[in-house]
């Protein structure tokens, strides 16, 4: 099959790329959910493997002690690194809303903005998971279109894409909007585990994107 070039890019091809990317992104978000429990366990073991004792961790203070590692929710959804305020800060007790995942925080904001009310108790995990899939699907839709114009973005069978999403979203955007602490607050193991999860997302997105194109005879990159 002849490899597509930028001169072959048409609105129809962009639409096909968007659909392939969307399906890939949903699959990538699902795959990320599947590895999140494993990554969460590794995150819990990281301080021990590095030679830290429970007392060493305690001495880092309440902010750094509040689950800085990548974790996972009851439904497998990834919980990005979070920080907890000192006791009583913002009126929340430790382990309260300030320690929620970024996806749940976004879901709360959307619910308050659109519905005019907070999330119903017990729906936080499902709402956070919905945000996780929506965000992954939206990003991958753009990726699928971009791949039609700039095939180089698919380098490493999606590894480059996963790296880009991790760097832009996890390392830059989340701290910028206050959904996580600054990157320097977390140990290297936290960053490495988050990067691993995003690489799984990127590779799965690309594998499915190519499969969709191959099935429809529209492989572009």
Foldseek 3Di string as FASTA:
>chain_A
DDAAALVPDDPVQLVLLLVLLLVLLLQLQVLLLVCQAVLQVVQVCVCVVVPHDPVNLVVVDQFLNLQQAWHADPSSHIAHGFTFDDACPVHDGGPPPRRGGLLLVVLQVVCCVPVVDGDDPPCSNVSSSVSSSVVSSVLSSVVSSVCLHPVCCCPPQQLSVLQVCCCPPVQPVCCVVVRHPHPVSHDPSRSVSSSVSSSSSRNSSSVSSQVSCVVVVNRHD
